Full PDB file with SEQRES, HELIX, SHEET, SSBOND, CRYST1, ORIGX, SCALE, CONECT and MASTER records, all heavy atoms in Angstrom:
SEQRES   1 A   38  LEU VAL THR GLY PRO THR GLY SER GLY LYS SER THR SER          
SEQRES   2 A   38  MET ALA ALA MET VAL ASP TYR MET ASN LYS GLU MET PRO          
SEQRES   3 A   38  ARG HIS ILE ILE THR ILE GLU ASP PRO ILE GLU PHE              
HELIX    1 AA1 LYS A   10  GLU A   24  1                                  15    
CRYST1    1.000    1.000    1.000  90.00  90.00  90.00 P 1           1          
ORIGX1      1.000000  0.000000  0.000000        0.00000                         
ORIGX2      0.000000  1.000000  0.000000        0.00000                         
ORIGX3      0.000000  0.000000  1.000000        0.00000                         
SCALE1      1.000000  0.000000  0.000000        0.00000                         
SCALE2      0.000000  1.000000  0.000000        0.00000                         
SCALE3      0.000000  0.000000  1.000000        0.00000                         
ATOM      1  N   LEU A   1      -5.660  -7.863   8.083  1.00  0.00           N  
ATOM      2  CA  LEU A   1      -5.659  -8.834   7.025  1.00  0.00           C  
ATOM      3  C   LEU A   1      -6.613  -8.340   5.926  1.00  0.00           C  
ATOM      4  O   LEU A   1      -7.757  -8.123   6.247  1.00  0.00           O  
ATOM      5  CB  LEU A   1      -5.983 -10.215   7.522  1.00  0.00           C  
ATOM      6  CG  LEU A   1      -5.012 -10.822   8.490  1.00  0.00           C  
ATOM      7  CD1 LEU A   1      -5.553 -12.032   9.052  1.00  0.00           C  
ATOM      8  CD2 LEU A   1      -3.605 -11.079   7.869  1.00  0.00           C  
ATOM      9  N   VAL A   2      -6.146  -8.265   4.733  1.00  0.00           N  
ATOM     10  CA  VAL A   2      -7.031  -7.918   3.534  1.00  0.00           C  
ATOM     11  C   VAL A   2      -7.088  -9.219   2.736  1.00  0.00           C  
ATOM     12  O   VAL A   2      -6.085  -9.627   2.195  1.00  0.00           O  
ATOM     13  CB  VAL A   2      -6.406  -6.740   2.761  1.00  0.00           C  
ATOM     14  CG1 VAL A   2      -7.390  -6.381   1.570  1.00  0.00           C  
ATOM     15  CG2 VAL A   2      -6.272  -5.551   3.605  1.00  0.00           C  
ATOM     16  N   THR A   3      -8.246  -9.775   2.534  1.00  0.00           N  
ATOM     17  CA  THR A   3      -8.321 -11.070   1.960  1.00  0.00           C  
ATOM     18  C   THR A   3      -9.334 -11.087   0.788  1.00  0.00           C  
ATOM     19  O   THR A   3     -10.181 -10.180   0.653  1.00  0.00           O  
ATOM     20  CB  THR A   3      -8.775 -12.155   2.964  1.00  0.00           C  
ATOM     21  OG1 THR A   3     -10.220 -12.063   3.169  1.00  0.00           O  
ATOM     22  CG2 THR A   3      -8.030 -11.959   4.293  1.00  0.00           C  
ATOM     23  N   GLY A   4      -9.327 -12.120   0.014  1.00  0.00           N  
ATOM     24  CA  GLY A   4     -10.174 -12.281  -1.083  1.00  0.00           C  
ATOM     25  C   GLY A   4      -9.542 -13.153  -2.217  1.00  0.00           C  
ATOM     26  O   GLY A   4      -8.406 -13.393  -2.150  1.00  0.00           O  
ATOM     27  N   PRO A   5     -10.337 -13.678  -3.142  1.00  0.00           N  
ATOM     28  CA  PRO A   5      -9.790 -14.475  -4.214  1.00  0.00           C  
ATOM     29  C   PRO A   5      -8.929 -13.647  -5.136  1.00  0.00           C  
ATOM     30  O   PRO A   5      -8.895 -12.392  -5.012  1.00  0.00           O  
ATOM     31  CB  PRO A   5     -11.030 -15.025  -4.908  1.00  0.00           C  
ATOM     32  CG  PRO A   5     -12.124 -13.990  -4.598  1.00  0.00           C  
ATOM     33  CD  PRO A   5     -11.799 -13.526  -3.196  1.00  0.00           C  
ATOM     34  N   THR A   6      -8.241 -14.288  -6.000  1.00  0.00           N  
ATOM     35  CA  THR A   6      -7.406 -13.613  -7.023  1.00  0.00           C  
ATOM     36  C   THR A   6      -8.315 -12.640  -7.869  1.00  0.00           C  
ATOM     37  O   THR A   6      -9.417 -13.085  -8.253  1.00  0.00           O  
ATOM     38  CB  THR A   6      -6.696 -14.624  -7.946  1.00  0.00           C  
ATOM     39  OG1 THR A   6      -5.923 -15.512  -7.148  1.00  0.00           O  
ATOM     40  CG2 THR A   6      -5.775 -13.937  -8.974  1.00  0.00           C  
ATOM     41  N   GLY A   7      -7.807 -11.445  -8.063  1.00  0.00           N  
ATOM     42  CA  GLY A   7      -8.547 -10.506  -8.842  1.00  0.00           C  
ATOM     43  C   GLY A   7      -9.652  -9.829  -8.127  1.00  0.00           C  
ATOM     44  O   GLY A   7     -10.584  -9.209  -8.745  1.00  0.00           O  
ATOM     45  N   SER A   8      -9.613  -9.884  -6.811  1.00  0.00           N  
ATOM     46  CA  SER A   8     -10.723  -9.231  -6.037  1.00  0.00           C  
ATOM     47  C   SER A   8     -10.406  -7.864  -5.585  1.00  0.00           C  
ATOM     48  O   SER A   8     -11.206  -7.198  -4.891  1.00  0.00           O  
ATOM     49  CB  SER A   8     -10.993 -10.076  -4.748  1.00  0.00           C  
ATOM     50  OG  SER A   8      -9.880 -10.167  -3.936  1.00  0.00           O  
ATOM     51  N   GLY A   9      -9.261  -7.311  -5.998  1.00  0.00           N  
ATOM     52  CA  GLY A   9      -9.001  -5.902  -5.695  1.00  0.00           C  
ATOM     53  C   GLY A   9      -8.201  -5.732  -4.413  1.00  0.00           C  
ATOM     54  O   GLY A   9      -8.147  -4.587  -3.871  1.00  0.00           O  
ATOM     55  N   LYS A  10      -7.666  -6.761  -3.836  1.00  0.00           N  
ATOM     56  CA  LYS A  10      -6.926  -6.618  -2.573  1.00  0.00           C  
ATOM     57  C   LYS A  10      -5.819  -5.658  -2.683  1.00  0.00           C  
ATOM     58  O   LYS A  10      -5.629  -4.779  -1.805  1.00  0.00           O  
ATOM     59  CB  LYS A  10      -6.435  -8.064  -2.163  1.00  0.00           C  
ATOM     60  CG  LYS A  10      -7.377  -9.077  -1.880  1.00  0.00           C  
ATOM     61  CD  LYS A  10      -6.745 -10.345  -1.291  1.00  0.00           C  
ATOM     62  CE  LYS A  10      -5.762 -10.998  -2.269  1.00  0.00           C  
ATOM     63  NZ  LYS A  10      -6.333 -11.521  -3.516  1.00  0.00           N  
ATOM     64  N   SER A  11      -4.995  -5.815  -3.678  1.00  0.00           N  
ATOM     65  CA  SER A  11      -3.810  -4.926  -3.862  1.00  0.00           C  
ATOM     66  C   SER A  11      -4.203  -3.455  -4.087  1.00  0.00           C  
ATOM     67  O   SER A  11      -3.541  -2.518  -3.505  1.00  0.00           O  
ATOM     68  CB  SER A  11      -2.953  -5.390  -5.100  1.00  0.00           C  
ATOM     69  OG  SER A  11      -2.460  -6.666  -4.887  1.00  0.00           O  
ATOM     70  N   THR A  12      -5.305  -3.200  -4.771  1.00  0.00           N  
ATOM     71  CA  THR A  12      -5.783  -1.889  -4.988  1.00  0.00           C  
ATOM     72  C   THR A  12      -6.242  -1.224  -3.682  1.00  0.00           C  
ATOM     73  O   THR A  12      -5.958  -0.096  -3.366  1.00  0.00           O  
ATOM     74  CB  THR A  12      -6.951  -1.855  -5.996  1.00  0.00           C  
ATOM     75  OG1 THR A  12      -6.514  -2.463  -7.215  1.00  0.00           O  
ATOM     76  CG2 THR A  12      -7.416  -0.466  -6.259  1.00  0.00           C  
ATOM     77  N   SER A  13      -7.051  -2.031  -2.871  1.00  0.00           N  
ATOM     78  CA  SER A  13      -7.474  -1.508  -1.574  1.00  0.00           C  
ATOM     79  C   SER A  13      -6.291  -1.259  -0.613  1.00  0.00           C  
ATOM     80  O   SER A  13      -6.263  -0.191   0.069  1.00  0.00           O  
ATOM     81  CB  SER A  13      -8.415  -2.533  -0.926  1.00  0.00           C  
ATOM     82  OG  SER A  13      -9.612  -2.591  -1.718  1.00  0.00           O  
ATOM     83  N   MET A  14      -5.308  -2.162  -0.536  1.00  0.00           N  
ATOM     84  CA  MET A  14      -4.135  -2.009   0.237  1.00  0.00           C  
ATOM     85  C   MET A  14      -3.345  -0.719  -0.156  1.00  0.00           C  
ATOM     86  O   MET A  14      -2.838   0.044   0.601  1.00  0.00           O  
ATOM     87  CB  MET A  14      -3.237  -3.223   0.242  1.00  0.00           C  
ATOM     88  CG  MET A  14      -3.830  -4.322   1.127  1.00  0.00           C  
ATOM     89  SD  MET A  14      -2.899  -5.818   1.187  1.00  0.00           S  
ATOM     90  CE  MET A  14      -1.220  -5.273   1.232  1.00  0.00           C  
ATOM     91  N   ALA A  15      -3.259  -0.582  -1.514  1.00  0.00           N  
ATOM     92  CA  ALA A  15      -2.515   0.618  -2.003  1.00  0.00           C  
ATOM     93  C   ALA A  15      -3.222   1.891  -1.591  1.00  0.00           C  
ATOM     94  O   ALA A  15      -2.526   2.871  -1.258  1.00  0.00           O  
ATOM     95  CB  ALA A  15      -2.426   0.515  -3.546  1.00  0.00           C  
ATOM     96  N   ALA A  16      -4.543   1.892  -1.609  1.00  0.00           N  
ATOM     97  CA  ALA A  16      -5.329   3.075  -1.159  1.00  0.00           C  
ATOM     98  C   ALA A  16      -5.020   3.346   0.300  1.00  0.00           C  
ATOM     99  O   ALA A  16      -4.911   4.521   0.751  1.00  0.00           O  
ATOM    100  CB  ALA A  16      -6.762   2.860  -1.432  1.00  0.00           C  
ATOM    101  N   MET A  17      -4.939   2.296   1.125  1.00  0.00           N  
ATOM    102  CA  MET A  17      -4.657   2.494   2.564  1.00  0.00           C  
ATOM    103  C   MET A  17      -3.259   2.989   2.816  1.00  0.00           C  
ATOM    104  O   MET A  17      -3.089   3.932   3.560  1.00  0.00           O  
ATOM    105  CB  MET A  17      -4.866   1.149   3.275  1.00  0.00           C  
ATOM    106  CG  MET A  17      -6.255   0.621   3.300  1.00  0.00           C  
ATOM    107  SD  MET A  17      -6.466  -1.083   3.842  1.00  0.00           S  
ATOM    108  CE  MET A  17      -6.080  -0.903   5.565  1.00  0.00           C  
ATOM    109  N   VAL A  18      -2.306   2.504   2.041  1.00  0.00           N  
ATOM    110  CA  VAL A  18      -0.903   2.985   2.189  1.00  0.00           C  
ATOM    111  C   VAL A  18      -0.831   4.438   1.696  1.00  0.00           C  
ATOM    112  O   VAL A  18      -0.175   5.272   2.279  1.00  0.00           O  
ATOM    113  CB  VAL A  18       0.066   2.078   1.397  1.00  0.00           C  
ATOM    114  CG1 VAL A  18       1.420   2.735   1.319  1.00  0.00           C  
ATOM    115  CG2 VAL A  18       0.109   0.737   2.004  1.00  0.00           C  
ATOM    116  N   ASP A  19      -1.517   4.698   0.578  1.00  0.00           N  
ATOM    117  CA  ASP A  19      -1.573   6.114   0.087  1.00  0.00           C  
ATOM    118  C   ASP A  19      -2.116   7.040   1.139  1.00  0.00           C  
ATOM    119  O   ASP A  19      -1.642   8.196   1.328  1.00  0.00           O  
ATOM    120  CB  ASP A  19      -2.385   6.105  -1.172  1.00  0.00           C  
ATOM    121  CG  ASP A  19      -2.507   7.524  -1.829  1.00  0.00           C  
ATOM    122  OD1 ASP A  19      -1.454   8.039  -2.245  1.00  0.00           O  
ATOM    123  OD2 ASP A  19      -3.555   8.112  -1.791  1.00  0.00           O  
ATOM    124  N   TYR A  20      -3.204   6.646   1.841  1.00  0.00           N  
ATOM    125  CA  TYR A  20      -3.780   7.505   2.914  1.00  0.00           C  
ATOM    126  C   TYR A  20      -2.732   7.747   3.990  1.00  0.00           C  
ATOM    127  O   TYR A  20      -2.597   8.897   4.477  1.00  0.00           O  
ATOM    128  CB  TYR A  20      -5.016   6.803   3.479  1.00  0.00           C  
ATOM    129  CG  TYR A  20      -5.567   7.523   4.665  1.00  0.00           C  
ATOM    130  CD1 TYR A  20      -6.267   8.745   4.484  1.00  0.00           C  
ATOM    131  CD2 TYR A  20      -5.486   6.999   5.937  1.00  0.00           C  
ATOM    132  CE1 TYR A  20      -6.786   9.400   5.575  1.00  0.00           C  
ATOM    133  CE2 TYR A  20      -6.051   7.623   7.018  1.00  0.00           C  
ATOM    134  CZ  TYR A  20      -6.688   8.834   6.823  1.00  0.00           C  
ATOM    135  OH  TYR A  20      -7.213   9.509   7.939  1.00  0.00           O  
ATOM    136  N   MET A  21      -2.067   6.697   4.466  1.00  0.00           N  
ATOM    137  CA  MET A  21      -1.055   6.868   5.458  1.00  0.00           C  
ATOM    138  C   MET A  21       0.094   7.734   5.001  1.00  0.00           C  
ATOM    139  O   MET A  21       0.581   8.610   5.759  1.00  0.00           O  
ATOM    140  CB  MET A  21      -0.513   5.497   5.948  1.00  0.00           C  
ATOM    141  CG  MET A  21      -1.506   4.715   6.737  1.00  0.00           C  
ATOM    142  SD  MET A  21      -0.871   3.169   7.442  1.00  0.00           S  
ATOM    143  CE  MET A  21      -0.883   2.126   6.028  1.00  0.00           C  
ATOM    144  N   ASN A  22       0.443   7.579   3.748  1.00  0.00           N  
ATOM    145  CA  ASN A  22       1.553   8.306   3.129  1.00  0.00           C  
ATOM    146  C   ASN A  22       1.196   9.793   3.164  1.00  0.00           C  
ATOM    147  O   ASN A  22       2.163  10.648   3.341  1.00  0.00           O  
ATOM    148  CB  ASN A  22       1.822   7.827   1.678  1.00  0.00           C  
ATOM    149  CG  ASN A  22       3.051   8.357   1.115  1.00  0.00           C  
ATOM    150  OD1 ASN A  22       3.988   8.799   1.784  1.00  0.00           O  
ATOM    151  ND2 ASN A  22       3.185   8.336  -0.207  1.00  0.00           N  
ATOM    152  N   LYS A  23      -0.011  10.131   2.927  1.00  0.00           N  
ATOM    153  CA  LYS A  23      -0.401  11.582   2.880  1.00  0.00           C  
ATOM    154  C   LYS A  23      -0.607  12.179   4.254  1.00  0.00           C  
ATOM    155  O   LYS A  23      -0.439  13.387   4.409  1.00  0.00           O  
ATOM    156  CB  LYS A  23      -1.656  11.740   2.022  1.00  0.00           C  
ATOM    157  CG  LYS A  23      -1.479  11.436   0.562  1.00  0.00           C  
ATOM    158  CD  LYS A  23      -2.877  11.461  -0.145  1.00  0.00           C  
ATOM    159  CE  LYS A  23      -2.760  11.179  -1.672  1.00  0.00           C  
ATOM    160  NZ  LYS A  23      -4.087  11.089  -2.262  1.00  0.00           N  
ATOM    161  N   GLU A  24      -0.993  11.341   5.165  1.00  0.00           N  
ATOM    162  CA  GLU A  24      -1.429  11.885   6.495  1.00  0.00           C  
ATOM    163  C   GLU A  24      -0.560  11.563   7.642  1.00  0.00           C  
ATOM    164  O   GLU A  24      -0.730  12.362   8.710  1.00  0.00           O  
ATOM    165  CB  GLU A  24      -2.893  11.280   6.776  1.00  0.00           C  
ATOM    166  CG  GLU A  24      -3.977  11.535   5.784  1.00  0.00           C  
ATOM    167  CD  GLU A  24      -4.268  12.979   5.685  1.00  0.00           C  
ATOM    168  OE1 GLU A  24      -4.118  13.746   6.643  1.00  0.00           O  
ATOM    169  OE2 GLU A  24      -4.751  13.508   4.558  1.00  0.00           O  
ATOM    170  N   MET A  25       0.333  10.646   7.636  1.00  0.00           N  
ATOM    171  CA  MET A  25       1.046  10.211   8.788  1.00  0.00           C  
ATOM    172  C   MET A  25       2.563  10.157   8.637  1.00  0.00           C  
ATOM    173  O   MET A  25       3.045   9.628   7.575  1.00  0.00           O  
ATOM    174  CB  MET A  25       0.520   8.825   9.232  1.00  0.00           C  
ATOM    175  CG  MET A  25      -0.971   8.724   9.413  1.00  0.00           C  
ATOM    176  SD  MET A  25      -1.508   7.050   9.661  1.00  0.00           S  
ATOM    177  CE  MET A  25      -3.261   7.247   9.462  1.00  0.00           C  
ATOM    178  N   PRO A  26       3.341  10.723   9.561  1.00  0.00           N  
ATOM    179  CA  PRO A  26       4.770  10.651   9.430  1.00  0.00           C  
ATOM    180  C   PRO A  26       5.371   9.335   9.967  1.00  0.00           C  
ATOM    181  O   PRO A  26       5.868   9.200  11.035  1.00  0.00           O  
ATOM    182  CB  PRO A  26       5.280  11.820  10.388  1.00  0.00           C  
ATOM    183  CG  PRO A  26       4.156  11.864  11.360  1.00  0.00           C  
ATOM    184  CD  PRO A  26       2.852  11.487  10.690  1.00  0.00           C  
ATOM    185  N   ARG A  27       5.218   8.318   9.159  1.00  0.00           N  
ATOM    186  CA  ARG A  27       5.574   6.907   9.479  1.00  0.00           C  
ATOM    187  C   ARG A  27       6.647   6.380   8.499  1.00  0.00           C  
ATOM    188  O   ARG A  27       6.815   6.879   7.373  1.00  0.00           O  
ATOM    189  CB  ARG A  27       4.344   6.000   9.429  1.00  0.00           C  
ATOM    190  CG  ARG A  27       3.245   6.323  10.457  1.00  0.00           C  
ATOM    191  CD  ARG A  27       2.115   5.393  10.344  1.00  0.00           C  
ATOM    192  NE  ARG A  27       1.219   5.403  11.443  1.00  0.00           N  
ATOM    193  CZ  ARG A  27       0.090   4.735  11.548  1.00  0.00           C  
ATOM    194  NH1 ARG A  27      -0.268   3.829  10.601  1.00  0.00           N  
ATOM    195  NH2 ARG A  27      -0.687   4.852  12.586  1.00  0.00           N  
ATOM    196  N   HIS A  28       7.329   5.346   8.951  1.00  0.00           N  
ATOM    197  CA  HIS A  28       8.240   4.552   8.109  1.00  0.00           C  
ATOM    198  C   HIS A  28       7.465   3.269   7.709  1.00  0.00           C  
ATOM    199  O   HIS A  28       7.166   2.487   8.547  1.00  0.00           O  
ATOM    200  CB  HIS A  28       9.519   4.231   8.839  1.00  0.00           C  
ATOM    201  CG  HIS A  28      10.474   3.497   7.974  1.00  0.00           C  
ATOM    202  ND1 HIS A  28      11.486   2.666   8.515  1.00  0.00           N  
ATOM    203  CD2 HIS A  28      10.562   3.410   6.615  1.00  0.00           C  
ATOM    204  CE1 HIS A  28      12.167   2.147   7.552  1.00  0.00           C  
ATOM    205  NE2 HIS A  28      11.665   2.511   6.335  1.00  0.00           N  
ATOM    206  N   ILE A  29       7.175   3.154   6.371  1.00  0.00           N  
ATOM    207  CA  ILE A  29       6.479   2.003   5.839  1.00  0.00           C  
ATOM    208  C   ILE A  29       7.316   1.176   4.939  1.00  0.00           C  
ATOM    209  O   ILE A  29       7.969   1.715   4.051  1.00  0.00           O  
ATOM    210  CB  ILE A  29       5.224   2.513   5.027  1.00  0.00           C  
ATOM    211  CG1 ILE A  29       4.334   3.427   5.923  1.00  0.00           C  
ATOM    212  CG2 ILE A  29       4.418   1.352   4.488  1.00  0.00           C  
ATOM    213  CD1 ILE A  29       3.249   4.165   5.136  1.00  0.00           C  
ATOM    214  N   ILE A  30       7.444  -0.075   5.246  1.00  0.00           N  
ATOM    215  CA  ILE A  30       8.224  -0.988   4.487  1.00  0.00           C  
ATOM    216  C   ILE A  30       7.256  -1.981   3.816  1.00  0.00           C  
ATOM    217  O   ILE A  30       6.404  -2.589   4.508  1.00  0.00           O  
ATOM    218  CB  ILE A  30       9.163  -1.811   5.338  1.00  0.00           C  
ATOM    219  CG1 ILE A  30      10.252  -0.823   5.969  1.00  0.00           C  
ATOM    220  CG2 ILE A  30       9.944  -2.867   4.500  1.00  0.00           C  
ATOM    221  CD1 ILE A  30      11.260  -1.552   6.941  1.00  0.00           C  
ATOM    222  N   THR A  31       7.329  -2.145   2.515  1.00  0.00           N  
ATOM    223  CA  THR A  31       6.477  -3.121   1.815  1.00  0.00           C  
ATOM    224  C   THR A  31       7.408  -4.289   1.288  1.00  0.00           C  
ATOM    225  O   THR A  31       8.448  -4.061   0.838  1.00  0.00           O  
ATOM    226  CB  THR A  31       5.730  -2.482   0.580  1.00  0.00           C  
ATOM    227  OG1 THR A  31       6.650  -2.355  -0.540  1.00  0.00           O  
ATOM    228  CG2 THR A  31       5.169  -1.103   0.954  1.00  0.00           C  
ATOM    229  N   ILE A  32       6.814  -5.473   1.421  1.00  0.00           N  
ATOM    230  CA  ILE A  32       7.518  -6.689   1.008  1.00  0.00           C  
ATOM    231  C   ILE A  32       6.555  -7.386   0.020  1.00  0.00           C  
ATOM    232  O   ILE A  32       5.502  -7.881   0.445  1.00  0.00           O  
ATOM    233  CB  ILE A  32       7.884  -7.653   2.196  1.00  0.00           C  
ATOM    234  CG1 ILE A  32       8.665  -6.819   3.232  1.00  0.00           C  
ATOM    235  CG2 ILE A  32       8.680  -8.829   1.705  1.00  0.00           C  
ATOM    236  CD1 ILE A  32       8.803  -7.538   4.545  1.00  0.00           C  
ATOM    237  N   GLU A  33       6.939  -7.462  -1.255  1.00  0.00           N  
ATOM    238  CA  GLU A  33       5.951  -7.915  -2.298  1.00  0.00           C  
ATOM    239  C   GLU A  33       6.653  -8.858  -3.289  1.00  0.00           C  
ATOM    240  O   GLU A  33       7.946  -8.838  -3.411  1.00  0.00           O  
ATOM    241  CB  GLU A  33       5.369  -6.741  -2.991  1.00  0.00           C  
ATOM    242  CG  GLU A  33       4.673  -5.737  -2.093  1.00  0.00           C  
ATOM    243  CD  GLU A  33       4.196  -4.543  -2.803  1.00  0.00           C  
ATOM    244  OE1 GLU A  33       3.143  -4.590  -3.568  1.00  0.00           O  
ATOM    245  OE2 GLU A  33       4.855  -3.464  -2.718  1.00  0.00           O  
ATOM    246  N   ASP A  34       5.876  -9.610  -4.008  1.00  0.00           N  
ATOM    247  CA  ASP A  34       6.396 -10.509  -5.025  1.00  0.00           C  
ATOM    248  C   ASP A  34       5.378 -10.589  -6.172  1.00  0.00           C  
ATOM    249  O   ASP A  34       4.477 -11.421  -6.219  1.00  0.00           O  
ATOM    250  CB  ASP A  34       6.566 -11.890  -4.416  1.00  0.00           C  
ATOM    251  CG  ASP A  34       7.135 -12.856  -5.436  1.00  0.00           C  
ATOM    252  OD1 ASP A  34       7.699 -12.434  -6.426  1.00  0.00           O  
ATOM    253  OD2 ASP A  34       6.997 -14.149  -5.188  1.00  0.00           O  
ATOM    254  N   PRO A  35       5.534  -9.708  -7.210  1.00  0.00           N  
ATOM    255  CA  PRO A  35       6.504  -8.646  -7.284  1.00  0.00           C  
ATOM    256  C   PRO A  35       5.890  -7.374  -6.764  1.00  0.00           C  
ATOM    257  O   PRO A  35       4.724  -7.329  -6.315  1.00  0.00           O  
ATOM    258  CB  PRO A  35       6.673  -8.489  -8.841  1.00  0.00           C  
ATOM    259  CG  PRO A  35       5.341  -8.836  -9.393  1.00  0.00           C  
ATOM    260  CD  PRO A  35       4.805  -9.972  -8.514  1.00  0.00           C  
ATOM    261  N   ILE A  36       6.673  -6.276  -6.765  1.00  0.00           N  
ATOM    262  CA  ILE A  36       6.156  -4.955  -6.383  1.00  0.00           C  
ATOM    263  C   ILE A  36       5.039  -4.585  -7.377  1.00  0.00           C  
ATOM    264  O   ILE A  36       5.208  -4.697  -8.608  1.00  0.00           O  
ATOM    265  CB  ILE A  36       7.275  -3.903  -6.367  1.00  0.00           C  
ATOM    266  CG1 ILE A  36       8.265  -4.214  -5.223  1.00  0.00           C  
ATOM    267  CG2 ILE A  36       6.683  -2.506  -6.193  1.00  0.00           C  
ATOM    268  CD1 ILE A  36       9.496  -3.411  -5.335  1.00  0.00           C  
ATOM    269  N   GLU A  37       3.919  -4.094  -6.867  1.00  0.00           N  
ATOM    270  CA  GLU A  37       2.834  -3.671  -7.779  1.00  0.00           C  
ATOM    271  C   GLU A  37       2.709  -2.171  -7.795  1.00  0.00           C  
ATOM    272  O   GLU A  37       3.217  -1.484  -8.611  1.00  0.00           O  
ATOM    273  CB  GLU A  37       1.520  -4.342  -7.321  1.00  0.00           C  
ATOM    274  CG  GLU A  37       1.609  -5.840  -7.412  1.00  0.00           C  
ATOM    275  CD  GLU A  37       0.288  -6.563  -7.256  1.00  0.00           C  
ATOM    276  OE1 GLU A  37      -0.245  -6.447  -6.124  1.00  0.00           O  
ATOM    277  OE2 GLU A  37      -0.134  -7.271  -8.180  1.00  0.00           O  
ATOM    278  N   PHE A  38       1.938  -1.599  -6.839  1.00  0.00           N  
ATOM    279  CA  PHE A  38       1.816  -0.111  -6.780  1.00  0.00           C  
ATOM    280  C   PHE A  38       3.077   0.453  -6.169  1.00  0.00           C  
ATOM    281  O   PHE A  38       3.575  -0.010  -5.181  1.00  0.00           O  
ATOM    282  CB  PHE A  38       0.598   0.249  -5.971  1.00  0.00           C  
ATOM    283  CG  PHE A  38      -0.680  -0.142  -6.627  1.00  0.00           C  
ATOM    284  CD1 PHE A  38      -1.285  -1.333  -6.388  1.00  0.00           C  
ATOM    285  CD2 PHE A  38      -1.310   0.790  -7.535  1.00  0.00           C  
ATOM    286  CE1 PHE A  38      -2.465  -1.716  -6.925  1.00  0.00           C  
ATOM    287  CE2 PHE A  38      -2.472   0.381  -8.118  1.00  0.00           C  
ATOM    288  CZ  PHE A  38      -3.094  -0.813  -7.793  1.00  0.00           C  
TER     289      PHE A  38                                                      
MASTER        0    0    0    1    0    0    0    6  288    1    0    3          
END                                                                             
């Protein structure tokens, strides 16, 4: 769980984590967002 108030950088931190997995791990990642950000 990545938590914090609005504008606390949650989406940016999660995007960095997904980016790390994307570069390093052969995984299938599904994102469900409203709306899609990164």
